[in-house]
Amino acid sequence: MQNHLVRLWGLYFILISFIAVTELDKLVANIWYQLEGGQWQLKHYWLTQTWLHDGGHDLAVILFILVLLSYVISVLTRYLSPYRHVLAYLSMSIPLSTLTVSAVKRLTEVDCPWSVIEFGGDRPYQFWLHSLWSPLEGADHCFPAGHASSAYMFFGVYFVSKQLFPQHARNVLYGIIVLGVIFGVAQQLRGAHFISHDLTSAFICWTVSWLLWRFWPIQKLKQEVIHE
């Protein structure tokens, strides 16, 4: 367990260091900003806001409700009962992942790109790492990316797939990552987040999902499925 977390967060700090040194956050945001004509034209656009932001959030909520209802059914009836432990795990890992991201957002004071002077706002740019020990007064709560976590919170489905359907696990992982990137880029196009905000959400959700799965009663799950 320790080796996995060391490698995971070692990779994260390498990536974040690269982003900080190269100012990749600002570079990418500037590309989007200039492509949109020096303003965030896609901030309220139907595709980025209505479909990918609002609709993406609603989709994530619906999927979680389906997981929760499936768990309730598995408890009250024999239907789905062999997968009760899996559904219980997902019923916890999904909300816990995104709530952890939300908690970090509440604790940090980091501005969104649309609030920064270079991108049409009225506040000086400050990399989120600097904001941790020297936050600017009145800053937003834009770090890490909450909307990207609407996809990354389903990392637990990947761990479940590895256990029950290993031949499909990699495709499940790719699907979650692609959806997270789509949600993340949509928010970047709206001026809501920098790229490091999305990256951090992915690592937080993976860590929460993995830790919970690591200590879940997997052996009991195996026995139930086999007996079924």
Protein backbone atom coordinates (compact mmCIF):
# COMPACT_ATOMS: atom_id res chain seq x y z
CA MET A 1 0.00 0.00 0.00
CA GLN A 2 2.72 2.44 0.98
CA ASN A 3 4.65 1.86 -2.25
CA HIS A 4 1.56 2.56 -4.35
CA LEU A 5 0.87 5.86 -2.59
CA VAL A 6 4.54 6.91 -2.75
CA ARG A 7 4.66 6.26 -6.50
CA LEU A 8 1.28 7.91 -7.05
CA TRP A 9 2.01 11.12 -5.21
CA GLY A 10 5.62 11.12 -6.38
CA LEU A 11 4.28 11.28 -9.92
CA TYR A 12 1.83 13.98 -8.89
CA PHE A 13 4.51 16.22 -7.41
CA ILE A 14 6.69 15.76 -10.50
CA LEU A 15 3.81 16.83 -12.72
CA ILE A 16 2.86 19.75 -10.49
CA SER A 17 6.49 20.89 -10.31
CA PHE A 18 6.66 20.83 -14.09
CA ILE A 19 3.43 22.83 -14.34
CA ALA A 20 4.69 25.36 -11.78
CA VAL A 21 8.11 25.85 -13.39
CA THR A 22 6.79 26.12 -16.95
CA GLU A 23 3.69 28.11 -15.90
CA LEU A 24 1.69 25.62 -17.93
CA ASP A 25 -1.50 26.67 -16.16
CA LYS A 26 -1.22 30.19 -17.56
CA LEU A 27 0.02 29.03 -20.96
CA VAL A 28 -2.91 26.67 -21.53
CA ALA A 29 -5.44 29.16 -20.16
CA ASN A 30 -4.01 31.83 -22.46
CA ILE A 31 -4.42 29.54 -25.47
CA TRP A 32 -8.11 29.03 -24.69
CA TYR A 33 -8.57 32.72 -23.92
CA GLN A 34 -6.99 33.88 -27.18
CA LEU A 35 -8.86 31.29 -29.23
CA GLU A 36 -12.07 32.73 -27.79
CA GLY A 37 -11.13 36.24 -28.91
CA GLY A 38 -9.71 37.59 -25.65
CA GLN A 39 -12.79 36.78 -23.61
CA TRP A 40 -14.47 33.71 -22.19
CA GLN A 41 -17.08 33.39 -24.89
CA LEU A 42 -17.81 29.80 -23.92
CA LYS A 43 -18.53 30.63 -20.27
CA HIS A 44 -22.28 30.45 -20.84
CA TYR A 45 -22.26 28.53 -24.12
CA TRP A 46 -24.88 25.77 -24.40
CA LEU A 47 -22.33 23.01 -25.00
CA THR A 48 -19.86 23.89 -22.26
CA GLN A 49 -22.29 25.12 -19.60
CA THR A 50 -25.67 23.50 -20.26
CA TRP A 51 -24.57 20.15 -21.62
CA LEU A 52 -21.09 19.42 -20.27
CA HIS A 53 -21.30 21.29 -16.95
CA ASP A 54 -24.94 21.17 -15.85
CA GLY A 55 -25.79 18.03 -17.80
CA GLY A 56 -22.57 16.30 -16.76
CA HIS A 57 -23.31 17.02 -13.11
CA ASP A 58 -26.86 15.69 -13.46
CA LEU A 59 -25.59 12.54 -15.19
CA ALA A 60 -23.12 11.88 -12.38
CA VAL A 61 -25.87 12.31 -9.77
CA ILE A 62 -28.19 9.95 -11.66
CA LEU A 63 -25.49 7.29 -11.95
CA PHE A 64 -24.76 7.52 -8.24
CA ILE A 65 -28.47 7.25 -7.40
CA LEU A 66 -28.64 4.11 -9.55
CA VAL A 67 -25.70 2.65 -7.64
CA LEU A 68 -27.34 3.53 -4.33
CA LEU A 69 -30.68 2.03 -5.37
CA SER A 70 -28.91 -1.11 -6.55
CA TYR A 71 -27.28 -1.46 -3.15
CA VAL A 72 -30.63 -1.04 -1.40
CA ILE A 73 -32.14 -3.73 -3.67
CA SER A 74 -29.24 -6.06 -2.92
CA VAL A 75 -29.90 -5.67 0.81
CA LEU A 76 -33.68 -6.06 0.71
CA THR A 77 -33.87 -8.88 -1.84
CA ARG A 78 -31.79 -11.73 -3.21
CA TYR A 79 -31.52 -9.87 -6.51
CA LEU A 80 -27.98 -8.47 -6.81
CA SER A 81 -27.14 -9.86 -3.37
CA PRO A 82 -23.87 -11.46 -4.61
CA TYR A 83 -22.67 -7.95 -5.45
CA ARG A 84 -23.76 -6.35 -2.19
CA HIS A 85 -20.22 -5.65 -1.01
CA VAL A 86 -19.26 -4.15 -4.36
CA LEU A 87 -22.31 -1.90 -4.38
CA ALA A 88 -21.70 -0.92 -0.77
CA TYR A 89 -18.13 0.01 -1.70
CA LEU A 90 -19.29 2.12 -4.66
CA SER A 91 -22.00 3.74 -2.53
CA MET A 92 -19.21 4.99 -0.28
CA SER A 93 -16.28 5.59 -2.66
CA ILE A 94 -18.23 7.69 -5.16
CA PRO A 95 -19.52 10.37 -2.77
CA LEU A 96 -16.44 10.24 -0.54
CA SER A 97 -14.17 10.98 -3.52
CA THR A 98 -16.03 14.05 -4.70
CA LEU A 99 -16.74 15.26 -1.16
CA THR A 100 -13.00 15.15 -0.43
CA VAL A 101 -12.40 17.35 -3.46
CA SER A 102 -15.17 19.69 -2.28
CA ALA A 103 -13.65 19.84 1.21
CA VAL A 104 -10.26 20.83 -0.19
CA LYS A 105 -11.98 23.51 -2.31
CA ARG A 106 -13.57 24.98 0.80
CA LEU A 107 -10.24 25.02 2.63
CA THR A 108 -8.21 26.65 -0.14
CA GLU A 109 -8.44 30.14 -1.62
CA VAL A 110 -7.46 29.97 -5.28
CA ASP A 111 -8.83 32.14 -8.06
CA CYS A 112 -10.42 30.88 -11.26
CA PRO A 113 -8.83 31.98 -14.56
CA TRP A 114 -11.79 34.30 -15.26
CA SER A 115 -10.89 36.26 -12.10
CA VAL A 116 -7.25 36.81 -13.12
CA ILE A 117 -6.15 40.12 -14.66
CA GLU A 118 -4.52 38.49 -17.70
CA PHE A 119 -7.79 36.77 -18.51
CA GLY A 120 -10.29 39.57 -18.12
CA GLY A 121 -10.53 39.62 -14.33
CA ASP A 122 -9.26 42.05 -11.72
CA ARG A 123 -7.05 39.89 -9.53
CA PRO A 124 -3.32 39.02 -9.79
CA TYR A 125 -2.38 35.49 -10.83
CA GLN A 126 -1.09 33.19 -8.12
CA PHE A 127 -0.26 29.52 -8.56
CA TRP A 128 -2.39 27.42 -6.20
CA LEU A 129 0.65 26.05 -4.34
CA HIS A 130 1.66 29.58 -3.37
CA SER A 131 -1.92 30.26 -2.29
CA LEU A 132 -1.73 27.50 0.32
CA TRP A 133 0.62 29.46 2.57
CA SER A 134 -0.04 32.99 1.28
CA PRO A 135 -3.62 33.22 0.01
CA LEU A 136 -4.80 36.44 -1.57
CA GLU A 137 -7.59 38.15 0.32
CA GLY A 138 -11.00 37.56 -1.21
CA ALA A 139 -9.81 34.80 -3.54
CA ASP A 140 -12.21 32.28 -5.08
CA HIS A 141 -12.47 28.63 -4.12
CA CYS A 142 -11.58 27.15 -7.51
CA PHE A 143 -9.01 24.53 -6.51
CA PRO A 144 -9.20 21.62 -7.07
CA ALA A 145 -11.70 21.15 -9.92
CA GLY A 146 -15.08 20.05 -8.62
CA HIS A 147 -16.68 19.29 -11.96
CA ALA A 148 -13.86 17.01 -13.13
CA SER A 149 -14.39 15.02 -9.95
CA SER A 150 -17.92 14.24 -11.21
CA ALA A 151 -16.15 11.80 -13.54
CA TYR A 152 -13.08 10.85 -11.50
CA MET A 153 -15.21 9.91 -8.49
CA PHE A 154 -16.10 6.75 -10.47
CA PHE A 155 -12.54 5.41 -10.27
CA GLY A 156 -13.97 2.87 -7.85
CA VAL A 157 -15.80 1.26 -10.77
CA TYR A 158 -12.38 0.45 -12.23
CA PHE A 159 -11.30 -1.39 -9.08
CA VAL A 160 -14.58 -3.29 -9.05
CA SER A 161 -14.09 -4.20 -12.71
CA LYS A 162 -10.61 -5.53 -11.99
CA GLN A 163 -12.14 -7.84 -9.41
CA LEU A 164 -15.21 -9.04 -11.34
CA PHE A 165 -14.58 -8.33 -15.02
CA PRO A 166 -10.80 -7.99 -15.44
CA GLN A 167 -11.02 -8.22 -19.24
CA HIS A 168 -12.99 -4.97 -19.29
CA ALA A 169 -11.21 -3.12 -16.48
CA ARG A 170 -8.79 -1.18 -18.67
CA ASN A 171 -11.56 0.07 -20.94
CA VAL A 172 -13.52 1.18 -17.87
CA LEU A 173 -10.49 3.12 -16.65
CA TYR A 174 -9.96 4.75 -20.04
CA GLY A 175 -13.64 5.71 -20.17
CA ILE A 176 -13.50 7.39 -16.76
CA ILE A 177 -10.33 9.29 -17.67
CA VAL A 178 -11.73 10.43 -21.03
CA LEU A 179 -14.92 11.67 -19.36
CA GLY A 180 -12.88 13.47 -16.71
CA VAL A 181 -10.74 15.15 -19.37
CA ILE A 182 -13.87 16.21 -21.29
CA PHE A 183 -15.41 17.70 -18.15
CA GLY A 184 -12.11 19.34 -17.25
CA VAL A 185 -11.47 20.88 -20.66
CA ALA A 186 -15.06 22.14 -20.79
CA GLN A 187 -14.45 24.03 -17.56
CA GLN A 188 -11.10 25.33 -18.77
CA LEU A 189 -12.84 26.66 -21.90
CA ARG A 190 -15.28 28.48 -19.62
CA GLY A 191 -12.41 30.01 -17.64
CA ALA A 192 -13.37 28.13 -14.49
CA HIS A 193 -10.19 26.10 -13.89
CA PHE A 194 -6.53 25.73 -14.69
CA ILE A 195 -5.15 22.38 -15.85
CA SER A 196 -3.48 21.69 -12.47
CA HIS A 197 -6.90 21.92 -10.79
CA ASP A 198 -8.19 19.02 -12.91
CA LEU A 199 -5.04 16.98 -12.39
CA THR A 200 -5.30 17.37 -8.62
CA SER A 201 -8.93 16.23 -8.59
CA ALA A 202 -7.98 13.07 -10.48
CA PHE A 203 -5.24 12.19 -7.99
CA ILE A 204 -7.47 12.88 -4.99
CA CYS A 205 -10.30 10.73 -6.34
CA TRP A 206 -7.92 7.90 -7.22
CA THR A 207 -6.36 7.99 -3.75
CA VAL A 208 -9.71 7.94 -1.93
CA SER A 209 -11.13 5.18 -4.14
CA TRP A 210 -7.97 3.07 -3.89
CA LEU A 211 -7.61 3.41 -0.12
CA LEU A 212 -11.21 2.44 0.46
CA TRP A 213 -10.91 -0.53 -1.90
CA ARG A 214 -7.62 -1.57 -0.30
CA PHE A 215 -9.34 -2.11 3.06
CA TRP A 216 -12.66 -3.42 1.74
CA PRO A 217 -13.63 -7.06 2.57
CA ILE A 218 -12.72 -8.32 -0.92
CA GLN A 219 -12.41 -11.97 0.11
CA LYS A 220 -16.00 -12.08 1.27
CA LEU A 221 -17.03 -10.65 -2.08
CA LYS A 222 -15.18 -13.43 -3.89
CA GLN A 223 -16.89 -16.10 -1.81
CA GLU A 224 -20.36 -14.65 -2.39
CA VAL A 225 -19.93 -14.44 -6.16
CA ILE A 226 -18.50 -17.96 -6.39
CA HIS A 227 -21.36 -19.44 -4.32
CA GLU A 228 -23.90 -17.70 -6.47
